[in-house]
Amino acid sequence: MTTAGALSHIRVLDLSRILAGPWATQSLADLGADVIKVERPGTGDDTRSWGPPFLKNDPSRSAYFCSVNRNKRSLALDLADPEASKVLRRIAGESQVVVENFKQGALARYGLDYETLSAANPSLVYCSITGFGQDGPEAARAGYDFMIQGMAGLMSVTGEPGGMPMKVGVALSDVLTGLNAAVAILAALNHSERTGEGQFIDMSLFDVTLASLANQAANYLFTGEPPGRLGNAHPNIVPYQVFEVADGHLILAVGNDAQFQRFCALAGLDEVAEDTRFASNDARVRNREDLIPTVAAAMKQKSISTWLEALSEKGIPAGPINDIHQAFSEDQAQFRGISSHLIDDDGAHVPTVRSPLRLSATPATLRIAPPRVGQHTREILNEVAGLDEEAIEALMGNSGSR
């Protein structure tokens, strides 16, 4: 088995901040890419201060920042400095990928737009992440995860029926956009390596969130009726929701008619199993309001542990509702080593979540702790940009990168 990452031959110039772009570039970095994260001198990425909690009470390394910036090297340069932008263009010429999430057209003033960089590096893959994409009536508008969850319909199907619209508990539009961006970048790299032709990738949080509505989007497109909020119930499968039990709540996820028959036998609902109103999933969805109260009453008769053991024995999907501590404490999470850590250059242990990308020959690795602002500036300027010590001193002085 080789120890080099699958992307160890790839350099990524990362001009992105906050979450969607850094999520994409961290995925590439986990797979071995050399990701150079460009930050404002002094303050760096906005999320550095998004806390508490902070690493070792360092107000420049929040848990938020650390969650998406491992395995990267930090280069602190001021884009507004003409000499700094010139150096960044040189680094882009030595890179295979550029990722940025500035407003539409904002990087052109620094000569860091796709047209300028691709003219010098025709095989370059350039990924631009914005709220609404590069064209259309909203293209120039800033877009943030929360507002996108609302505009793209995700909040309309999240929360209790009749309740307030609810966002997802993590910035899911950003995360999904980062994942889709990484997929697009890998596809474009494959094309570039085969043909020598780079390309521009237009990633939009709005597009991604709409596309990620999955069956709910299809439910609307098939019927013309926008689906509403169902709380913890499923729009297309019944019974498939949270139920109250004797000592709390659990998830019952009956996925087919055979499982429903086994559940009814286990729950003492023989009459329900024989009722034609509930014989198929189609029928159960149509008669949801008649079925669910009966199932709910049966579920209250036993405890979480009793139900989970019995349901597991019968091959009926079910599970507890863990808090995050309990989730990381699950035997499966412990066995898979989901929780891990990195050690930074002063010996501090930085907690992190292991990449879920499990490749047998070129596994994702943990190599570099989330960096301090500009931690790797000198080595990058020398190693990648080819600057000598005098030129580095002059540039760092001009850009305020000390």
Protein backbone atom coordinates (compact mmCIF):
# COMPACT_ATOMS: atom_id res chain seq x y z
CA MET A 1 0.00 0.00 0.00
CA THR A 2 1.36 3.40 -0.94
CA THR A 3 1.63 6.04 1.77
CA ALA A 4 1.19 9.00 -0.57
CA GLY A 5 -2.28 10.51 -0.69
CA ALA A 6 -4.34 10.14 -3.84
CA LEU A 7 -3.96 13.88 -4.46
CA SER A 8 -0.36 14.28 -3.27
CA HIS A 9 0.57 15.54 -6.76
CA ILE A 10 -1.99 18.36 -6.60
CA ARG A 11 -1.48 21.89 -5.28
CA VAL A 12 -4.54 23.96 -4.40
CA LEU A 13 -4.46 27.73 -4.01
CA ASP A 14 -7.29 28.33 -1.56
CA LEU A 15 -8.67 31.87 -1.62
CA SER A 16 -11.88 30.87 0.16
CA ARG A 17 -13.16 31.71 3.64
CA ILE A 18 -15.90 30.74 6.09
CA LEU A 19 -17.27 27.24 5.38
CA ALA A 20 -18.27 26.05 1.89
CA GLY A 21 -14.90 26.67 0.23
CA PRO A 22 -12.81 25.54 3.20
CA TRP A 23 -14.93 22.37 3.46
CA ALA A 24 -14.11 21.56 -0.17
CA THR A 25 -10.41 22.28 0.19
CA GLN A 26 -10.14 20.35 3.46
CA SER A 27 -11.57 17.32 1.67
CA LEU A 28 -8.85 17.68 -0.97
CA ALA A 29 -6.21 18.24 1.70
CA ASP A 30 -7.28 15.10 3.59
CA LEU A 31 -6.63 13.18 0.37
CA GLY A 32 -3.09 14.51 0.19
CA ALA A 33 -3.32 17.77 -1.77
CA ASP A 34 -1.00 20.61 -0.80
CA VAL A 35 -3.56 23.28 0.11
CA ILE A 36 -2.23 26.82 0.49
CA LYS A 37 -4.79 28.87 2.39
CA VAL A 38 -4.45 32.59 1.69
CA GLU A 39 -5.57 34.79 4.59
CA ARG A 40 -5.65 38.44 5.52
CA PRO A 41 -2.57 39.36 7.55
CA GLY A 42 -3.41 39.73 11.21
CA THR A 43 -7.05 38.66 11.39
CA GLY A 44 -7.14 35.83 8.85
CA ASP A 45 -10.30 33.89 8.00
CA ASP A 46 -13.43 35.39 9.60
CA THR A 47 -14.23 32.11 11.36
CA ARG A 48 -11.03 32.25 13.40
CA SER A 49 -12.89 34.47 15.87
CA TRP A 50 -16.23 32.63 15.75
CA GLY A 51 -16.23 31.31 19.29
CA PRO A 52 -15.95 30.27 22.01
CA PRO A 53 -14.72 27.57 22.25
CA PHE A 54 -11.12 28.27 21.20
CA LEU A 55 -8.01 26.10 21.05
CA LYS A 56 -5.96 26.75 24.21
CA ASN A 57 -7.84 30.04 24.64
CA ASP A 58 -6.24 31.31 21.43
CA PRO A 59 -8.83 33.78 20.04
CA SER A 60 -7.52 33.21 16.51
CA ARG A 61 -8.23 29.45 16.45
CA SER A 62 -11.87 28.76 17.18
CA ALA A 63 -13.35 25.27 17.11
CA TYR A 64 -15.32 26.45 14.05
CA PHE A 65 -12.15 27.41 12.17
CA CYS A 66 -10.35 24.23 13.21
CA SER A 67 -13.24 22.07 11.98
CA VAL A 68 -12.55 22.95 8.32
CA ASN A 69 -8.91 23.97 8.05
CA ARG A 70 -6.73 21.01 8.97
CA ASN A 71 -4.03 19.76 6.59
CA LYS A 72 -3.57 23.26 5.13
CA ARG A 73 -0.69 25.72 5.10
CA SER A 74 -1.48 29.36 5.87
CA LEU A 75 -0.08 32.14 3.68
CA ALA A 76 -0.77 35.68 4.96
CA LEU A 77 -0.80 38.23 2.15
CA ASP A 78 -2.81 41.36 1.42
CA LEU A 79 -4.52 40.95 -1.95
CA ALA A 80 -4.68 44.72 -2.33
CA ASP A 81 -0.87 44.90 -2.41
CA PRO A 82 0.12 44.68 -6.10
CA GLU A 83 3.29 42.78 -5.23
CA ALA A 84 1.33 40.27 -3.16
CA SER A 85 -1.22 39.67 -5.92
CA LYS A 86 1.67 39.24 -8.36
CA VAL A 87 3.14 36.53 -6.11
CA LEU A 88 -0.27 34.86 -5.85
CA ARG A 89 -0.52 34.76 -9.63
CA ARG A 90 2.87 33.05 -9.65
CA ILE A 91 1.67 30.50 -7.11
CA ALA A 92 -1.49 29.93 -9.18
CA GLY A 93 0.80 29.16 -12.12
CA GLU A 94 2.38 26.44 -9.99
CA SER A 95 -1.00 25.05 -8.89
CA GLN A 96 -3.53 22.71 -10.44
CA VAL A 97 -6.57 24.13 -8.61
CA VAL A 98 -7.78 27.53 -7.39
CA VAL A 99 -10.81 27.78 -5.09
CA GLU A 100 -12.41 31.11 -4.18
CA ASN A 101 -15.70 32.40 -2.78
CA PHE A 102 -15.49 36.13 -3.42
CA LYS A 103 -18.43 38.03 -4.89
CA GLN A 104 -18.90 37.69 -8.61
CA GLY A 105 -16.03 39.40 -10.45
CA ALA A 106 -14.33 40.72 -7.30
CA LEU A 107 -10.98 39.03 -7.94
CA ALA A 108 -10.54 40.54 -11.41
CA ARG A 109 -9.19 43.74 -9.90
CA TYR A 110 -6.26 41.74 -8.49
CA GLY A 111 -5.64 39.70 -11.63
CA LEU A 112 -6.78 36.57 -9.78
CA ASP A 113 -9.84 35.84 -11.92
CA TYR A 114 -10.16 32.75 -14.09
CA GLU A 115 -9.50 34.53 -17.39
CA THR A 116 -6.21 35.98 -16.19
CA LEU A 117 -4.93 32.88 -14.40
CA SER A 118 -5.98 30.39 -17.08
CA ALA A 119 -4.24 32.42 -19.77
CA ALA A 120 -0.96 31.68 -18.01
CA ASN A 121 -1.96 28.18 -16.84
CA PRO A 122 -4.37 26.63 -19.39
CA SER A 123 -4.76 23.37 -17.45
CA LEU A 124 -5.94 25.19 -14.30
CA VAL A 125 -9.14 24.07 -12.58
CA TYR A 126 -10.76 27.17 -11.09
CA CYS A 127 -13.72 26.74 -8.71
CA SER A 128 -15.78 29.78 -7.77
CA ILE A 129 -18.33 29.39 -4.96
CA THR A 130 -21.03 32.04 -4.59
CA GLY A 131 -24.51 32.29 -3.17
CA PHE A 132 -26.35 32.33 -6.50
CA GLY A 133 -23.89 31.51 -9.27
CA GLN A 134 -22.24 33.58 -11.99
CA ASP A 135 -25.36 34.58 -13.91
CA GLY A 136 -29.02 35.36 -13.38
CA PRO A 137 -30.81 38.22 -11.59
CA GLU A 138 -29.32 37.38 -8.18
CA ALA A 139 -25.75 36.72 -9.33
CA ALA A 140 -24.28 39.83 -7.70
CA ARG A 141 -26.06 39.23 -4.41
CA ALA A 142 -24.22 37.88 -1.37
CA GLY A 143 -25.55 34.55 -0.15
CA TYR A 144 -25.20 32.99 3.29
CA ASP A 145 -26.17 29.53 4.43
CA PHE A 146 -29.09 30.57 6.65
CA MET A 147 -30.79 32.74 4.02
CA ILE A 148 -30.15 30.11 1.34
CA GLN A 149 -31.81 27.40 3.46
CA GLY A 150 -34.84 29.67 3.55
CA MET A 151 -34.85 30.78 -0.11
CA ALA A 152 -34.23 27.29 -1.51
CA GLY A 153 -37.14 25.71 0.37
CA LEU A 154 -35.21 23.62 2.89
CA MET A 155 -36.70 25.41 5.88
CA SER A 156 -40.22 24.94 4.52
CA VAL A 157 -39.91 21.17 5.05
CA THR A 158 -37.97 21.35 8.33
CA GLY A 159 -39.72 21.63 11.70
CA GLU A 160 -43.04 20.67 13.23
CA PRO A 161 -46.34 20.97 11.31
CA GLY A 162 -47.80 24.39 11.97
CA GLY A 163 -44.63 25.49 13.76
CA MET A 164 -42.03 28.08 12.90
CA PRO A 165 -39.88 27.29 9.84
CA MET A 166 -36.63 25.78 11.10
CA LYS A 167 -33.09 25.70 9.74
CA VAL A 168 -31.01 22.55 9.96
CA GLY A 169 -28.77 22.41 13.04
CA VAL A 170 -25.57 22.74 10.99
CA ALA A 171 -24.85 24.98 8.00
CA LEU A 172 -25.97 22.27 5.61
CA SER A 173 -26.14 24.43 2.47
CA ASP A 174 -22.48 25.34 2.97
CA VAL A 175 -21.44 21.76 3.74
CA LEU A 176 -23.28 20.30 0.76
CA THR A 177 -21.85 22.99 -1.52
CA GLY A 178 -18.36 22.16 -0.28
CA LEU A 179 -18.92 18.48 -0.98
CA ASN A 180 -20.31 19.16 -4.45
CA ALA A 181 -17.43 21.53 -5.16
CA ALA A 182 -14.92 18.80 -4.24
CA VAL A 183 -16.69 16.35 -6.57
CA ALA A 184 -16.66 18.89 -9.41
CA ILE A 185 -12.99 19.68 -8.83
CA LEU A 186 -12.03 16.01 -8.95
CA ALA A 187 -13.99 15.56 -12.19
CA ALA A 188 -12.32 18.62 -13.72
CA LEU A 189 -8.88 17.44 -12.60
CA ASN A 190 -9.49 14.11 -14.28
CA HIS A 191 -10.39 15.92 -17.50
CA SER A 192 -7.40 18.25 -17.18
CA GLU A 193 -4.94 15.42 -16.61
CA ARG A 194 -6.26 13.58 -19.68
CA THR A 195 -6.50 16.54 -22.04
CA GLY A 196 -4.46 19.40 -20.60
CA GLU A 197 -7.61 21.53 -20.64
CA GLY A 198 -8.63 23.30 -17.45
CA GLN A 199 -12.03 24.76 -16.78
CA PHE A 200 -14.13 27.11 -14.67
CA ILE A 201 -16.51 25.60 -12.08
CA ASP A 202 -19.53 27.70 -11.11
CA MET A 203 -20.81 26.47 -7.71
CA SER A 204 -23.91 28.07 -6.19
CA LEU A 205 -25.26 27.50 -2.68
CA PHE A 206 -28.76 28.12 -4.03
CA ASP A 207 -28.37 25.54 -6.83
CA VAL A 208 -26.91 22.94 -4.48
CA THR A 209 -29.60 23.36 -1.84
CA LEU A 210 -32.40 23.07 -4.39
CA ALA A 211 -30.77 19.97 -5.90
CA SER A 212 -30.34 18.47 -2.43
CA LEU A 213 -34.08 18.58 -1.71
CA ALA A 214 -34.06 15.12 -3.34
CA ASN A 215 -37.43 13.36 -2.94
CA GLN A 216 -39.10 16.51 -1.62
CA ALA A 217 -38.21 18.35 -4.83
CA ALA A 218 -39.51 15.40 -6.85
CA ASN A 219 -42.69 15.29 -4.76
CA TYR A 220 -43.35 18.90 -5.79
CA LEU A 221 -42.39 18.44 -9.45
CA PHE A 222 -44.63 15.37 -9.75
CA THR A 223 -47.69 17.01 -8.17
CA GLY A 224 -47.30 20.76 -8.38
CA GLU A 225 -48.04 20.87 -4.65
CA PRO A 226 -45.24 22.13 -2.36
CA PRO A 227 -44.72 19.70 0.54
CA GLY A 228 -45.03 21.05 4.06
CA ARG A 229 -43.37 20.35 7.38
CA LEU A 230 -43.94 16.91 8.91
CA GLY A 231 -41.68 17.20 11.92
CA ASN A 232 -39.97 13.85 12.38
CA ALA A 233 -42.26 11.98 10.00
CA HIS A 234 -41.37 10.98 6.43
CA PRO A 235 -43.37 12.29 3.46
CA ASN A 236 -43.17 9.03 1.48
CA ILE A 237 -42.80 6.20 4.04
CA VAL A 238 -45.04 5.22 7.00
CA PRO A 239 -44.33 4.47 9.83
CA TYR A 240 -40.97 6.20 9.61
CA GLN A 241 -40.61 8.75 12.40
CA VAL A 242 -39.84 9.41 16.06
CA PHE A 243 -42.11 7.78 18.63
CA GLU A 244 -42.43 8.32 22.35
CA VAL A 245 -41.65 5.18 24.35
CA ALA A 246 -41.84 4.37 28.06
CA ASP A 247 -38.61 6.16 28.96
CA GLY A 248 -37.93 8.59 26.13
CA HIS A 249 -38.03 8.59 22.33
CA LEU A 250 -36.68 6.45 19.53
CA ILE A 251 -36.70 6.33 15.75
CA LEU A 252 -38.74 3.62 14.04
CA ALA A 253 -37.89 3.37 10.35
CA VAL A 254 -40.08 0.74 8.71
CA GLY A 255 -38.85 0.64 5.13
CA ASN A 256 -41.03 -1.99 3.44
CA ASP A 257 -44.18 -4.06 3.81
CA ALA A 258 -42.41 -7.15 5.18
CA GLN A 259 -40.84 -5.08 7.95
CA PHE A 260 -44.26 -3.63 8.74
CA GLN A 261 -45.75 -7.09 9.11
CA ARG A 262 -42.93 -8.12 11.47
CA PHE A 263 -43.35 -4.92 13.45
CA CYS A 264 -47.09 -5.49 13.88
CA ALA A 265 -46.46 -9.04 15.15
CA LEU A 266 -43.87 -7.72 17.60
CA ALA A 267 -46.07 -4.85 18.80
CA GLY A 268 -49.22 -6.98 19.22
CA LEU A 269 -50.97 -5.24 16.33
CA ASP A 270 -52.23 -8.28 14.44
CA GLU A 271 -55.47 -6.55 13.47
CA VAL A 272 -53.53 -3.64 12.01
CA ALA A 273 -51.41 -6.00 9.94
CA GLU A 274 -54.56 -7.49 8.42
CA ASP A 275 -56.24 -4.15 7.73
CA THR A 276 -56.29 -3.37 3.98
CA ARG A 277 -55.82 0.33 4.77
CA PHE A 278 -52.30 -0.49 5.91
CA ALA A 279 -51.35 -3.45 3.73
CA SER A 280 -48.88 -1.50 1.56
CA ASN A 281 -46.72 1.54 2.05
CA ASP A 282 -48.84 3.39 -0.51
CA ALA A 283 -51.91 2.67 1.62
CA ARG A 284 -50.14 3.56 4.85
CA VAL A 285 -49.04 6.94 3.49
CA ARG A 286 -52.61 7.69 2.37
CA ASN A 287 -54.01 6.59 5.73
CA ARG A 288 -51.24 7.99 7.90
CA GLU A 289 -53.61 9.79 10.28
CA ASP A 290 -55.50 6.58 11.04
CA LEU A 291 -52.41 4.42 11.57
CA ILE A 292 -49.98 6.58 13.54
CA PRO A 293 -52.04 6.96 16.77
CA THR A 294 -52.34 3.17 17.02
CA VAL A 295 -48.61 2.66 16.47
CA ALA A 296 -47.83 5.47 18.93
CA ALA A 297 -49.93 3.85 21.66
CA ALA A 298 -48.14 0.52 21.17
CA MET A 299 -44.70 2.14 21.24
CA LYS A 300 -45.35 3.71 24.67
CA GLN A 301 -45.63 0.27 26.27
CA LYS A 302 -41.90 -0.57 26.24
CA SER A 303 -38.59 1.11 27.04
CA ILE A 304 -35.94 2.24 24.57
CA SER A 305 -33.61 -0.66 25.31
CA THR A 306 -36.41 -3.26 25.14
CA TRP A 307 -37.63 -1.92 21.82
CA LEU A 308 -34.17 -1.64 20.29
CA GLU A 309 -33.25 -5.20 21.21
CA ALA A 310 -36.56 -6.62 19.94
CA LEU A 311 -36.58 -4.59 16.73
CA SER A 312 -32.97 -5.45 15.96
CA GLU A 313 -33.69 -9.16 16.41
CA LYS A 314 -36.51 -8.91 13.85
CA GLY A 315 -34.46 -6.87 11.36
CA ILE A 316 -36.58 -3.73 11.73
CA PRO A 317 -34.56 -0.51 11.48
CA ALA A 318 -34.65 1.57 14.65
CA GLY A 319 -32.28 3.72 16.63
CA PRO A 320 -31.83 6.03 19.60
CA ILE A 321 -31.75 9.82 19.43
CA ASN A 322 -28.26 10.60 20.68
CA ASP A 323 -26.80 13.89 21.67
CA ILE A 324 -23.37 14.53 20.12
CA HIS A 325 -21.53 13.14 23.16
CA GLN A 326 -23.54 9.94 22.92
CA ALA A 327 -22.98 9.77 19.16
CA PHE A 328 -19.19 9.91 19.56
CA SER A 329 -19.48 7.35 22.38
CA GLU A 330 -21.31 4.79 20.24
CA ASP A 331 -19.37 1.52 19.92
CA GLN A 332 -19.34 1.92 16.15
CA ALA A 333 -17.87 5.43 16.37
CA GLN A 334 -15.23 4.21 18.81
CA PHE A 335 -14.31 1.24 16.63
CA ARG A 336 -14.07 3.36 13.47
CA GLY A 337 -11.94 5.99 15.20
CA ILE A 338 -14.17 8.86 14.14
CA SER A 339 -12.78 11.18 16.81
CA SER A 340 -9.08 11.89 16.43
CA HIS A 341 -6.58 14.68 16.97
CA LEU A 342 -3.64 16.51 15.46
CA ILE A 343 -0.64 17.90 17.30
CA ASP A 344 0.34 21.45 16.41
CA ASP A 345 3.87 22.83 16.41
CA ASP A 346 3.76 23.78 20.09
CA GLY A 347 2.56 20.35 21.16
CA ALA A 348 -1.13 21.13 21.64
CA HIS A 349 -3.62 18.38 20.83
CA VAL A 350 -6.24 19.66 18.39
CA PRO A 351 -9.43 17.54 18.39
CA THR A 352 -10.81 16.73 14.96
CA VAL A 353 -13.28 14.45 13.20
CA ARG A 354 -11.62 11.88 10.98
CA SER A 355 -12.41 12.06 7.28
CA PRO A 356 -15.19 9.65 6.29
CA LEU A 357 -13.36 8.94 3.01
CA ARG A 358 -11.98 5.44 3.59
CA LEU A 359 -9.71 4.53 0.64
CA SER A 360 -7.83 1.25 0.93
CA ALA A 361 -4.66 2.16 -1.00
CA THR A 362 -4.48 5.95 -0.54
CA PRO A 363 -6.27 6.70 2.73
CA ALA A 364 -7.13 10.18 3.92
CA THR A 365 -4.59 11.32 6.50
CA LEU A 366 -4.17 13.80 9.32
CA ARG A 367 -0.93 15.71 8.73
CA ILE A 368 -1.11 19.39 9.61
CA ALA A 369 -2.94 20.99 12.53
CA PRO A 370 -5.18 23.96 11.70
CA PRO A 371 -2.59 26.70 11.25
CA ARG A 372 -2.04 30.05 12.86
CA VAL A 373 -2.45 33.05 10.55
CA GLY A 374 0.50 33.11 8.18
CA GLN A 375 2.24 30.20 9.91
CA HIS A 376 3.71 28.92 6.64
CA THR A 377 4.18 32.21 4.79
CA ARG A 378 7.96 32.12 4.56
CA GLU A 379 8.24 28.50 3.46
CA ILE A 380 5.55 28.91 0.80
CA LEU A 381 7.05 32.10 -0.60
CA ASN A 382 10.42 30.38 -0.87
CA GLU A 383 9.36 26.89 -1.90
CA VAL A 384 6.48 27.67 -4.29
CA ALA A 385 6.95 31.31 -5.35
CA GLY A 386 10.76 31.03 -5.51
CA LEU A 387 11.44 34.21 -3.52
CA ASP A 388 14.74 34.69 -1.73
CA GLU A 389 15.00 35.95 1.83
CA GLU A 390 15.37 39.60 0.83
CA ALA A 391 12.29 39.49 -1.40
CA ILE A 392 10.32 37.67 1.31
CA GLU A 393 11.23 40.33 3.86
CA ALA A 394 10.17 43.10 1.52
CA LEU A 395 6.88 41.46 0.62
CA MET A 396 5.95 40.59 4.19
CA GLY A 397 6.70 44.14 5.25
CA ASN A 398 4.51 45.61 2.51
CA SER A 399 1.64 43.19 3.18
CA GLY A 400 1.71 43.49 6.94
CA SER A 401 2.32 39.76 7.17
CA ARG A 402 4.71 39.79 10.10
